[in-house]
Amino acid sequence: MVSLLNNLTNSLIETRQRYAMLKDNGIDSMSTIYPAIPWNAEIYYHLLATLPKEIDRLEQRIMKIESNFKACK
């Protein structure tokens, strides 16, 4: 369970960083964040809309696992 929690935490950190780069640096940051993906404005705006939801989902999952982990102790 600790490994899962570490993986989710790392995913959360990376997702927050990607979202911040997209917001701060605009569409030009797509080639840095996702170099293998051909990008366009539609993908950029889709990511801006969906990454906050993914961040919330990861945060909720981490909190749930931490809560369950504490309850098992």
PDB file of N, CA and C in Angstrom:
ATOM      1  N   MET A   1       0.821  -1.190   0.000  1.00  0.00           N
ATOM      2  CA  MET A   1       0.000   0.000   0.000  1.00  0.00           C
ATOM      3  C   MET A   1       0.871   1.262   0.000  1.00  0.00           C
ATOM      4  N   VAL A   2       2.009   1.184   0.651  1.00  0.00           N
ATOM      5  CA  VAL A   2       2.908   2.333   0.680  1.00  0.00           C
ATOM      6  C   VAL A   2       3.405   2.651  -0.730  1.00  0.00           C
ATOM      7  N   SER A   3       3.693   1.620  -1.502  1.00  0.00           N
ATOM      8  CA  SER A   3       4.144   1.819  -2.875  1.00  0.00           C
ATOM      9  C   SER A   3       3.059   2.496  -3.720  1.00  0.00           C
ATOM     10  N   LEU A   4       1.828   2.063  -3.564  1.00  0.00           N
ATOM     11  CA  LEU A   4       0.713   2.683  -4.279  1.00  0.00           C
ATOM     12  C   LEU A   4       0.588   4.150  -3.897  1.00  0.00           C
ATOM     13  N   LEU A   5       0.690   4.433  -2.617  1.00  0.00           N
ATOM     14  CA  LEU A   5       0.584   5.808  -2.141  1.00  0.00           C
ATOM     15  C   LEU A   5       1.715   6.669  -2.712  1.00  0.00           C
ATOM     16  N   ASN A   6       2.919   6.123  -2.749  1.00  0.00           N
ATOM     17  CA  ASN A   6       4.051   6.856  -3.327  1.00  0.00           C
ATOM     18  C   ASN A   6       3.833   7.119  -4.819  1.00  0.00           C
ATOM     19  N   ASN A   7       3.348   6.124  -5.535  1.00  0.00           N
ATOM     20  CA  ASN A   7       3.085   6.293  -6.969  1.00  0.00           C
ATOM     21  C   ASN A   7       2.018   7.343  -7.223  1.00  0.00           C
ATOM     22  N   LEU A   8       0.952   7.313  -6.439  1.00  0.00           N
ATOM     23  CA  LEU A   8      -0.117   8.306  -6.602  1.00  0.00           C
ATOM     24  C   LEU A   8       0.378   9.709  -6.263  1.00  0.00           C
ATOM     25  N   THR A   9       1.186   9.808  -5.222  1.00  0.00           N
ATOM     26  CA  THR A   9       1.738  11.107  -4.832  1.00  0.00           C
ATOM     27  C   THR A   9       2.648  11.656  -5.927  1.00  0.00           C
ATOM     28  N   ASN A  10       3.473  10.798  -6.500  1.00  0.00           N
ATOM     29  CA  ASN A  10       4.336  11.236  -7.609  1.00  0.00           C
ATOM     30  C   ASN A  10       3.503  11.665  -8.814  1.00  0.00           C
ATOM     31  N   SER A  11       2.444  10.916  -9.111  1.00  0.00           N
ATOM     32  CA  SER A  11       1.554  11.286 -10.217  1.00  0.00           C
ATOM     33  C   SER A  11       0.898  12.635  -9.959  1.00  0.00           C
ATOM     34  N   LEU A  12       0.493  12.865  -8.726  1.00  0.00           N
ATOM     35  CA  LEU A  12      -0.126  14.140  -8.362  1.00  0.00           C
ATOM     36  C   LEU A  12       0.860  15.290  -8.571  1.00  0.00           C
ATOM     37  N   ILE A  13       2.077  15.116  -8.107  1.00  0.00           N
ATOM     38  CA  ILE A  13       3.103  16.158  -8.255  1.00  0.00           C
ATOM     39  C   ILE A  13       3.353  16.446  -9.736  1.00  0.00           C
ATOM     40  N   GLU A  14       3.521  15.395 -10.521  1.00  0.00           N
ATOM     41  CA  GLU A  14       3.783  15.572 -11.958  1.00  0.00           C
ATOM     42  C   GLU A  14       2.600  16.216 -12.679  1.00  0.00           C
ATOM     43  N   THR A  15       1.395  15.832 -12.313  1.00  0.00           N
ATOM     44  CA  THR A  15       0.203  16.405 -12.941  1.00  0.00           C
ATOM     45  C   THR A  15       0.074  17.881 -12.590  1.00  0.00           C
ATOM     46  N   ARG A  16       0.344  18.231 -11.340  1.00  0.00           N
ATOM     47  CA  ARG A  16       0.323  19.643 -10.944  1.00  0.00           C
ATOM     48  C   ARG A  16       1.366  20.447 -11.729  1.00  0.00           C
ATOM     49  N   GLN A  17       2.550  19.864 -11.895  1.00  0.00           N
ATOM     50  CA  GLN A  17       3.608  20.556 -12.637  1.00  0.00           C
ATOM     51  C   GLN A  17       3.218  20.757 -14.096  1.00  0.00           C
ATOM     52  N   ARG A  18       2.652  19.723 -14.720  1.00  0.00           N
ATOM     53  CA  ARG A  18       2.224  19.850 -16.119  1.00  0.00           C
ATOM     54  C   ARG A  18       1.147  20.919 -16.257  1.00  0.00           C
ATOM     55  N   TYR A  19       0.186  20.907 -15.345  1.00  0.00           N
ATOM     56  CA  TYR A  19      -0.894  21.895 -15.400  1.00  0.00           C
ATOM     57  C   TYR A  19      -0.339  23.318 -15.237  1.00  0.00           C
ATOM     58  N   ALA A  20       0.573  23.491 -14.280  1.00  0.00           N
ATOM     59  CA  ALA A  20       1.167  24.814 -14.051  1.00  0.00           C
ATOM     60  C   ALA A  20       1.937  25.284 -15.284  1.00  0.00           C
ATOM     61  N   MET A  21       2.690  24.373 -15.905  1.00  0.00           N
ATOM     62  CA  MET A  21       3.432  24.748 -17.115  1.00  0.00           C
ATOM     63  C   MET A  21       2.485  25.152 -18.240  1.00  0.00           C
ATOM     64  N   LEU A  22       1.418  24.392 -18.417  1.00  0.00           N
ATOM     65  CA  LEU A  22       0.451  24.728 -19.466  1.00  0.00           C
ATOM     66  C   LEU A  22      -0.177  26.092 -19.212  1.00  0.00           C
ATOM     67  N   LYS A  23      -0.578  26.336 -17.968  1.00  0.00           N
ATOM     68  CA  LYS A  23      -1.205  27.619 -17.626  1.00  0.00           C
ATOM     69  C   LYS A  23      -0.231  28.779 -17.777  1.00  0.00           C
ATOM     70  N   ASP A  24       0.985  28.588 -17.270  1.00  0.00           N
ATOM     71  CA  ASP A  24       1.954  29.683 -17.229  1.00  0.00           C
ATOM     72  C   ASP A  24       2.613  29.968 -18.576  1.00  0.00           C
ATOM     73  N   ASN A  25       2.852  28.909 -19.353  1.00  0.00           N
ATOM     74  CA  ASN A  25       3.632  29.070 -20.586  1.00  0.00           C
ATOM     75  C   ASN A  25       2.810  28.954 -21.860  1.00  0.00           C
ATOM     76  N   GLY A  26       1.547  28.640 -21.728  1.00  0.00           N
ATOM     77  CA  GLY A  26       0.673  28.585 -22.887  1.00  0.00           C
ATOM     78  C   GLY A  26       0.892  27.371 -23.768  1.00  0.00           C
ATOM     79  N   ILE A  27       0.333  27.450 -24.951  1.00  0.00           N
ATOM     80  CA  ILE A  27       0.316  26.317 -25.874  1.00  0.00           C
ATOM     81  C   ILE A  27       1.720  25.887 -26.295  1.00  0.00           C
ATOM     82  N   ASP A  28       2.675  26.787 -26.263  1.00  0.00           N
ATOM     83  CA  ASP A  28       4.045  26.431 -26.648  1.00  0.00           C
ATOM     84  C   ASP A  28       4.665  25.399 -25.715  1.00  0.00           C
ATOM     85  N   SER A  29       4.158  25.299 -24.505  1.00  0.00           N
ATOM     86  CA  SER A  29       4.704  24.331 -23.553  1.00  0.00           C
ATOM     87  C   SER A  29       4.306  22.889 -23.893  1.00  0.00           C
ATOM     88  N   MET A  30       3.353  22.723 -24.794  1.00  0.00           N
ATOM     89  CA  MET A  30       2.913  21.369 -25.174  1.00  0.00           C
ATOM     90  C   MET A  30       4.067  20.533 -25.708  1.00  0.00           C
ATOM     91  N   SER A  31       4.930  21.123 -26.516  1.00  0.00           N
ATOM     92  CA  SER A  31       6.032  20.353 -27.097  1.00  0.00           C
ATOM     93  C   SER A  31       7.057  19.945 -26.049  1.00  0.00           C
ATOM     94  N   THR A  32       7.148  20.672 -24.949  1.00  0.00           N
ATOM     95  CA  THR A  32       8.049  20.307 -23.857  1.00  0.00           C
ATOM     96  C   THR A  32       7.437  19.223 -22.983  1.00  0.00           C
ATOM     97  N   ILE A  33       6.170  19.371 -22.664  1.00  0.00           N
ATOM     98  CA  ILE A  33       5.503  18.440 -21.752  1.00  0.00           C
ATOM     99  C   ILE A  33       5.183  17.116 -22.437  1.00  0.00           C
ATOM    100  N   TYR A  34       4.702  17.193 -23.650  1.00  0.00           N
ATOM    101  CA  TYR A  34       4.294  16.005 -24.405  1.00  0.00           C
ATOM    102  C   TYR A  34       5.001  15.976 -25.760  1.00  0.00           C
ATOM    103  N   PRO A  35       6.308  15.723 -25.784  1.00  0.00           N
ATOM    104  CA  PRO A  35       7.061  15.832 -27.036  1.00  0.00           C
ATOM    105  C   PRO A  35       6.655  14.831 -28.118  1.00  0.00           C
ATOM    106  N   ALA A  36       6.113  13.694 -27.735  1.00  0.00           N
ATOM    107  CA  ALA A  36       5.778  12.660 -28.726  1.00  0.00           C
ATOM    108  C   ALA A  36       4.373  12.809 -29.297  1.00  0.00           C
ATOM    109  N   ILE A  37       3.613  13.748 -28.752  1.00  0.00           N
ATOM    110  CA  ILE A  37       2.220  13.898 -29.171  1.00  0.00           C
ATOM    111  C   ILE A  37       2.088  15.118 -30.080  1.00  0.00           C
ATOM    112  N   PRO A  38       1.589  14.909 -31.299  1.00  0.00           N
ATOM    113  CA  PRO A  38       1.302  16.082 -32.128  1.00  0.00           C
ATOM    114  C   PRO A  38       0.173  16.883 -31.463  1.00  0.00           C
ATOM    115  N   TRP A  39       0.368  18.143 -31.266  1.00  0.00           N
ATOM    116  CA  TRP A  39      -0.592  18.918 -30.500  1.00  0.00           C
ATOM    117  C   TRP A  39      -1.225  20.016 -31.328  1.00  0.00           C
ATOM    118  N   ASN A  40      -2.341  20.475 -30.800  1.00  0.00           N
ATOM    119  CA  ASN A  40      -3.046  21.601 -31.398  1.00  0.00           C
ATOM    120  C   ASN A  40      -3.821  22.319 -30.299  1.00  0.00           C
ATOM    121  N   ALA A  41      -4.488  23.375 -30.639  1.00  0.00           N
ATOM    122  CA  ALA A  41      -5.204  24.165 -29.633  1.00  0.00           C
ATOM    123  C   ALA A  41      -6.295  23.356 -28.944  1.00  0.00           C
ATOM    124  N   GLU A  42      -6.949  22.469 -29.677  1.00  0.00           N
ATOM    125  CA  GLU A  42      -8.015  21.663 -29.083  1.00  0.00           C
ATOM    126  C   GLU A  42      -7.478  20.781 -27.948  1.00  0.00           C
ATOM    127  N   ILE A  43      -6.354  20.143 -28.171  1.00  0.00           N
ATOM    128  CA  ILE A  43      -5.750  19.302 -27.133  1.00  0.00           C
ATOM    129  C   ILE A  43      -5.314  20.169 -25.951  1.00  0.00           C
ATOM    130  N   TYR A  44      -4.710  21.298 -26.237  1.00  0.00           N
ATOM    131  CA  TYR A  44      -4.264  22.218 -25.186  1.00  0.00           C
ATOM    132  C   TYR A  44      -5.428  22.612 -24.278  1.00  0.00           C
ATOM    133  N   TYR A  45      -6.524  23.061 -24.860  1.00  0.00           N
ATOM    134  CA  TYR A  45      -7.667  23.496 -24.050  1.00  0.00           C
ATOM    135  C   TYR A  45      -8.347  22.317 -23.353  1.00  0.00           C
ATOM    136  N   HIS A  46      -8.310  21.172 -23.978  1.00  0.00           N
ATOM    137  CA  HIS A  46      -8.847  19.976 -23.328  1.00  0.00           C
ATOM    138  C   HIS A  46      -8.031  19.649 -22.065  1.00  0.00           C
ATOM    139  N   LEU A  47      -6.715  19.725 -22.171  1.00  0.00           N
ATOM    140  CA  LEU A  47      -5.867  19.467 -21.007  1.00  0.00           C
ATOM    141  C   LEU A  47      -6.094  20.508 -19.919  1.00  0.00           C
ATOM    142  N   LEU A  48      -6.225  21.762 -20.297  1.00  0.00           N
ATOM    143  CA  LEU A  48      -6.501  22.803 -19.294  1.00  0.00           C
ATOM    144  C   LEU A  48      -7.806  22.541 -18.563  1.00  0.00           C
ATOM    145  N   ALA A  49      -8.756  21.958 -19.250  1.00  0.00           N
ATOM    146  CA  ALA A  49     -10.058  21.670 -18.640  1.00  0.00           C
ATOM    147  C   ALA A  49     -10.031  20.396 -17.800  1.00  0.00           C
ATOM    148  N   THR A  50      -9.246  19.400 -18.206  1.00  0.00           N
ATOM    149  CA  THR A  50      -9.316  18.101 -17.533  1.00  0.00           C
ATOM    150  C   THR A  50      -8.247  17.873 -16.464  1.00  0.00           C
ATOM    151  N   LEU A  51      -7.109  18.529 -16.574  1.00  0.00           N
ATOM    152  CA  LEU A  51      -6.065  18.298 -15.571  1.00  0.00           C
ATOM    153  C   LEU A  51      -6.486  18.695 -14.155  1.00  0.00           C
ATOM    154  N   PRO A  52      -7.215  19.789 -13.948  1.00  0.00           N
ATOM    155  CA  PRO A  52      -7.667  20.079 -12.580  1.00  0.00           C
ATOM    156  C   PRO A  52      -8.561  18.962 -12.010  1.00  0.00           C
ATOM    157  N   LYS A  53      -9.381  18.367 -12.859  1.00  0.00           N
ATOM    158  CA  LYS A  53     -10.219  17.246 -12.408  1.00  0.00           C
ATOM    159  C   LYS A  53      -9.364  16.046 -12.033  1.00  0.00           C
ATOM    160  N   GLU A  54      -8.318  15.807 -12.807  1.00  0.00           N
ATOM    161  CA  GLU A  54      -7.400  14.708 -12.512  1.00  0.00           C
ATOM    162  C   GLU A  54      -6.652  14.974 -11.208  1.00  0.00           C
ATOM    163  N   ILE A  55      -6.270  16.210 -10.973  1.00  0.00           N
ATOM    164  CA  ILE A  55      -5.602  16.581  -9.722  1.00  0.00           C
ATOM    165  C   ILE A  55      -6.538  16.324  -8.546  1.00  0.00           C
ATOM    166  N   ASP A  56      -7.786  16.744  -8.662  1.00  0.00           N
ATOM    167  CA  ASP A  56      -8.762  16.496  -7.595  1.00  0.00           C
ATOM    168  C   ASP A  56      -8.959  15.004  -7.351  1.00  0.00           C
ATOM    169  N   ARG A  57      -9.038  14.233  -8.428  1.00  0.00           N
ATOM    170  CA  ARG A  57      -9.237  12.796  -8.309  1.00  0.00           C
ATOM    171  C   ARG A  57      -8.057  12.141  -7.582  1.00  0.00           C
ATOM    172  N   LEU A  58      -6.849  12.535  -7.942  1.00  0.00           N
ATOM    173  CA  LEU A  58      -5.662  11.983  -7.287  1.00  0.00           C
ATOM    174  C   LEU A  58      -5.609  12.377  -5.816  1.00  0.00           C
ATOM    175  N   GLU A  59      -5.926  13.631  -5.519  1.00  0.00           N
ATOM    176  CA  GLU A  59      -5.933  14.085  -4.125  1.00  0.00           C
ATOM    177  C   GLU A  59      -6.933  13.286  -3.294  1.00  0.00           C
ATOM    178  N   GLN A  60      -8.126  13.074  -3.837  1.00  0.00           N
ATOM    179  CA  GLN A  60      -9.150  12.314  -3.125  1.00  0.00           C
ATOM    180  C   GLN A  60      -8.708  10.869  -2.907  1.00  0.00           C
ATOM    181  N   ARG A  61      -8.115  10.279  -3.909  1.00  0.00           N
ATOM    182  CA  ARG A  61      -7.668   8.889  -3.786  1.00  0.00           C
ATOM    183  C   ARG A  61      -6.565   8.764  -2.744  1.00  0.00           C
ATOM    184  N   ILE A  62      -5.636   9.703  -2.737  1.00  0.00           N
ATOM    185  CA  ILE A  62      -4.552   9.689  -1.748  1.00  0.00           C
ATOM    186  C   ILE A  62      -5.125   9.833  -0.339  1.00  0.00           C
ATOM    187  N   MET A  63      -6.047  10.773  -0.153  1.00  0.00           N
ATOM    188  CA  MET A  63      -6.652  10.964   1.166  1.00  0.00           C
ATOM    189  C   MET A  63      -7.394   9.716   1.628  1.00  0.00           C
ATOM    190  N   LYS A  64      -8.096   9.058   0.717  1.00  0.00           N
ATOM    191  CA  LYS A  64      -8.829   7.849   1.065  1.00  0.00           C
ATOM    192  C   LYS A  64      -7.877   6.735   1.488  1.00  0.00           C
ATOM    193  N   ILE A  65      -6.804   6.554   0.749  1.00  0.00           N
ATOM    194  CA  ILE A  65      -5.832   5.516   1.087  1.00  0.00           C
ATOM    195  C   ILE A  65      -5.163   5.827   2.421  1.00  0.00           C
ATOM    196  N   GLU A  66      -4.788   7.083   2.626  1.00  0.00           N
ATOM    197  CA  GLU A  66      -4.176   7.470   3.901  1.00  0.00           C
ATOM    198  C   GLU A  66      -5.133   7.227   5.061  1.00  0.00           C
ATOM    199  N   SER A  67      -6.395   7.547   4.849  1.00  0.00           N
ATOM    200  CA  SER A  67      -7.404   7.331   5.884  1.00  0.00           C
ATOM    201  C   SER A  67      -7.556   5.850   6.195  1.00  0.00           C
ATOM    202  N   ASN A  68      -7.626   5.034   5.157  1.00  0.00           N
ATOM    203  CA  ASN A  68      -7.738   3.588   5.347  1.00  0.00           C
ATOM    204  C   ASN A  68      -6.495   3.008   6.011  1.00  0.00           C
ATOM    205  N   PHE A  69      -5.349   3.533   5.646  1.00  0.00           N
ATOM    206  CA  PHE A  69      -4.082   3.079   6.209  1.00  0.00           C
ATOM    207  C   PHE A  69      -4.016   3.391   7.708  1.00  0.00           C
ATOM    208  N   LYS A  70      -4.445   4.595   8.089  1.00  0.00           N
ATOM    209  CA  LYS A  70      -4.456   4.985   9.494  1.00  0.00           C
ATOM    210  C   LYS A  70      -5.460   4.146  10.292  1.00  0.00           C
ATOM    211  N   ALA A  71      -6.583   3.820   9.672  1.00  0.00           N
ATOM    212  CA  ALA A  71      -7.613   3.033  10.349  1.00  0.00           C
ATOM    213  C   ALA A  71      -7.142   1.611  10.604  1.00  0.00           C
ATOM    214  N   CYS A  72      -6.232   1.115   9.783  1.00  0.00           N
ATOM    215  CA  CYS A  72      -5.736  -0.256   9.925  1.00  0.00           C
ATOM    216  C   CYS A  72      -4.661  -0.365  10.999  1.00  0.00           C
ATOM    217  N   LYS A  73      -4.093   0.736  11.393  1.00  0.00           N
ATOM    218  CA  LYS A  73      -3.015   0.701  12.410  1.00  0.00           C
ATOM    219  C   LYS A  73      -3.529   0.457  13.787  1.00  0.00           C
TER     220      LYS A  73
END
